[in-house]
Amino acid sequence: MSAKSINLEEFRSLLDEKLVPLKSEISELNSKRSFIDMTNEKYEEVMSMLAE
């Protein structure tokens, strides 16, 4: 089995290439979570108003 050596810049480039989709997914999940948090907050406000 032969090992291929890469320099630091090649490693960084490869790592960036692999992480871009993950960063995108994390950003999308954060957006969804923000929406869910906002919706939950509004739900709690409505339930509080109804309880009064």
N, C-alpha and C. Protein backbone atom coordinates (compact mmCIF):
# COMPACT_ATOMS: atom_id res chain seq x y z
N MET A 1 0.84 -1.17 0.00
CA MET A 1 0.00 0.00 0.00
C MET A 1 0.89 1.24 0.00
N SER A 2 0.72 2.10 -0.96
CA SER A 2 1.55 3.29 -1.03
C SER A 2 0.80 4.48 -0.45
N ALA A 3 1.53 5.32 0.27
CA ALA A 3 0.93 6.51 0.87
C ALA A 3 1.25 7.70 0.00
N LYS A 4 0.26 8.53 -0.27
CA LYS A 4 0.46 9.74 -1.06
C LYS A 4 0.65 10.90 -0.11
N SER A 5 1.72 11.64 -0.30
CA SER A 5 1.99 12.81 0.53
C SER A 5 1.36 14.04 -0.11
N ILE A 6 0.76 14.87 0.72
CA ILE A 6 0.22 16.13 0.22
C ILE A 6 0.75 17.25 1.11
N ASN A 7 0.86 18.42 0.53
CA ASN A 7 1.33 19.54 1.34
C ASN A 7 0.17 20.18 2.09
N LEU A 8 0.49 21.14 2.91
CA LEU A 8 -0.50 21.78 3.77
C LEU A 8 -1.60 22.47 2.96
N GLU A 9 -1.24 23.16 1.90
CA GLU A 9 -2.24 23.85 1.08
C GLU A 9 -3.19 22.87 0.41
N GLU A 10 -2.68 21.76 -0.07
CA GLU A 10 -3.54 20.74 -0.68
C GLU A 10 -4.49 20.16 0.37
N PHE A 11 -3.96 19.95 1.57
CA PHE A 11 -4.78 19.42 2.66
C PHE A 11 -5.91 20.40 3.01
N ARG A 12 -5.56 21.68 3.14
CA ARG A 12 -6.57 22.69 3.44
C ARG A 12 -7.64 22.76 2.35
N SER A 13 -7.19 22.71 1.12
CA SER A 13 -8.14 22.76 -0.01
C SER A 13 -9.08 21.56 0.02
N LEU A 14 -8.53 20.39 0.26
CA LEU A 14 -9.35 19.18 0.33
C LEU A 14 -10.32 19.25 1.50
N LEU A 15 -9.84 19.72 2.63
CA LEU A 15 -10.70 19.85 3.80
C LEU A 15 -11.83 20.85 3.55
N ASP A 16 -11.50 21.99 2.97
CA ASP A 16 -12.54 22.99 2.64
C ASP A 16 -13.58 22.39 1.70
N GLU A 17 -13.12 21.66 0.71
CA GLU A 17 -14.04 21.03 -0.26
C GLU A 17 -15.01 20.08 0.44
N LYS A 18 -14.52 19.36 1.42
CA LYS A 18 -15.37 18.41 2.13
C LYS A 18 -16.28 19.09 3.15
N LEU A 19 -15.86 20.22 3.69
CA LEU A 19 -16.63 20.88 4.74
C LEU A 19 -17.71 21.82 4.23
N VAL A 20 -17.58 22.31 3.01
CA VAL A 20 -18.57 23.25 2.47
C VAL A 20 -20.00 22.69 2.53
N PRO A 21 -20.23 21.45 2.08
CA PRO A 21 -21.61 20.93 2.18
C PRO A 21 -22.09 20.83 3.64
N LEU A 22 -21.18 20.48 4.53
CA LEU A 22 -21.55 20.37 5.94
C LEU A 22 -21.91 21.74 6.51
N LYS A 23 -21.14 22.75 6.17
CA LYS A 23 -21.45 24.12 6.63
C LYS A 23 -22.81 24.55 6.12
N SER A 24 -23.11 24.20 4.89
CA SER A 24 -24.41 24.55 4.30
C SER A 24 -25.55 23.86 5.05
N GLU A 25 -25.37 22.58 5.36
CA GLU A 25 -26.39 21.84 6.10
C GLU A 25 -26.60 22.43 7.50
N ILE A 26 -25.52 22.79 8.16
CA ILE A 26 -25.61 23.37 9.49
C ILE A 26 -26.36 24.71 9.44
N SER A 27 -26.06 25.51 8.44
CA SER A 27 -26.74 26.79 8.27
C SER A 27 -28.24 26.58 8.06
N GLU A 28 -28.59 25.61 7.23
CA GLU A 28 -30.00 25.32 6.98
C GLU A 28 -30.70 24.84 8.25
N LEU A 29 -30.04 23.99 9.02
CA LEU A 29 -30.62 23.51 10.27
C LEU A 29 -30.81 24.65 11.27
N ASN A 30 -29.85 25.57 11.32
CA ASN A 30 -29.98 26.71 12.23
C ASN A 30 -31.17 27.59 11.83
N SER A 31 -31.38 27.75 10.54
CA SER A 31 -32.53 28.54 10.07
C SER A 31 -33.83 27.86 10.48
N LYS A 32 -33.90 26.56 10.30
CA LYS A 32 -35.11 25.82 10.68
C LYS A 32 -35.34 25.89 12.18
N ARG A 33 -34.26 25.78 12.93
CA ARG A 33 -34.39 25.84 14.38
C ARG A 33 -34.90 27.22 14.81
N SER A 34 -34.39 28.27 14.19
CA SER A 34 -34.86 29.62 14.51
C SER A 34 -36.35 29.76 14.25
N PHE A 35 -36.81 29.21 13.14
CA PHE A 35 -38.24 29.26 12.82
C PHE A 35 -39.05 28.49 13.86
N ILE A 36 -38.58 27.32 14.23
CA ILE A 36 -39.28 26.50 15.22
C ILE A 36 -39.32 27.22 16.57
N ASP A 37 -38.20 27.83 16.95
CA ASP A 37 -38.16 28.57 18.22
C ASP A 37 -39.15 29.73 18.21
N MET A 38 -39.21 30.46 17.10
CA MET A 38 -40.14 31.58 16.98
C MET A 38 -41.59 31.08 17.05
N THR A 39 -41.87 30.00 16.34
CA THR A 39 -43.22 29.43 16.34
C THR A 39 -43.61 28.97 17.74
N ASN A 40 -42.70 28.34 18.43
CA ASN A 40 -42.95 27.88 19.79
C ASN A 40 -43.22 29.06 20.72
N GLU A 41 -42.46 30.13 20.57
CA GLU A 41 -42.66 31.32 21.38
C GLU A 41 -44.05 31.91 21.16
N LYS A 42 -44.47 31.98 19.90
CA LYS A 42 -45.81 32.51 19.60
C LYS A 42 -46.89 31.59 20.15
N TYR A 43 -46.69 30.30 20.07
CA TYR A 43 -47.64 29.32 20.62
C TYR A 43 -47.79 29.54 22.12
N GLU A 44 -46.67 29.71 22.81
CA GLU A 44 -46.71 29.92 24.25
C GLU A 44 -47.45 31.23 24.59
N GLU A 45 -47.24 32.27 23.78
CA GLU A 45 -47.95 33.53 24.00
C GLU A 45 -49.46 33.34 23.85
N VAL A 46 -49.88 32.64 22.82
CA VAL A 46 -51.31 32.40 22.58
C VAL A 46 -51.90 31.56 23.71
N MET A 47 -51.18 30.52 24.13
CA MET A 47 -51.69 29.69 25.23
C MET A 47 -51.82 30.49 26.50
N SER A 48 -50.88 31.39 26.76
CA SER A 48 -50.92 32.24 27.94
C SER A 48 -52.14 33.17 27.87
N MET A 49 -52.37 33.74 26.71
CA MET A 49 -53.52 34.65 26.53
C MET A 49 -54.82 33.89 26.73
N LEU A 50 -54.91 32.69 26.22
CA LEU A 50 -56.13 31.89 26.37
C LEU A 50 -56.36 31.48 27.81
N ALA A 51 -55.27 31.24 28.54
CA ALA A 51 -55.40 30.84 29.93
C ALA A 51 -55.93 31.98 30.79
N GLU A 52 -55.63 33.22 30.38
CA GLU A 52 -56.10 34.38 31.14
C GLU A 52 -57.55 34.56 30.87
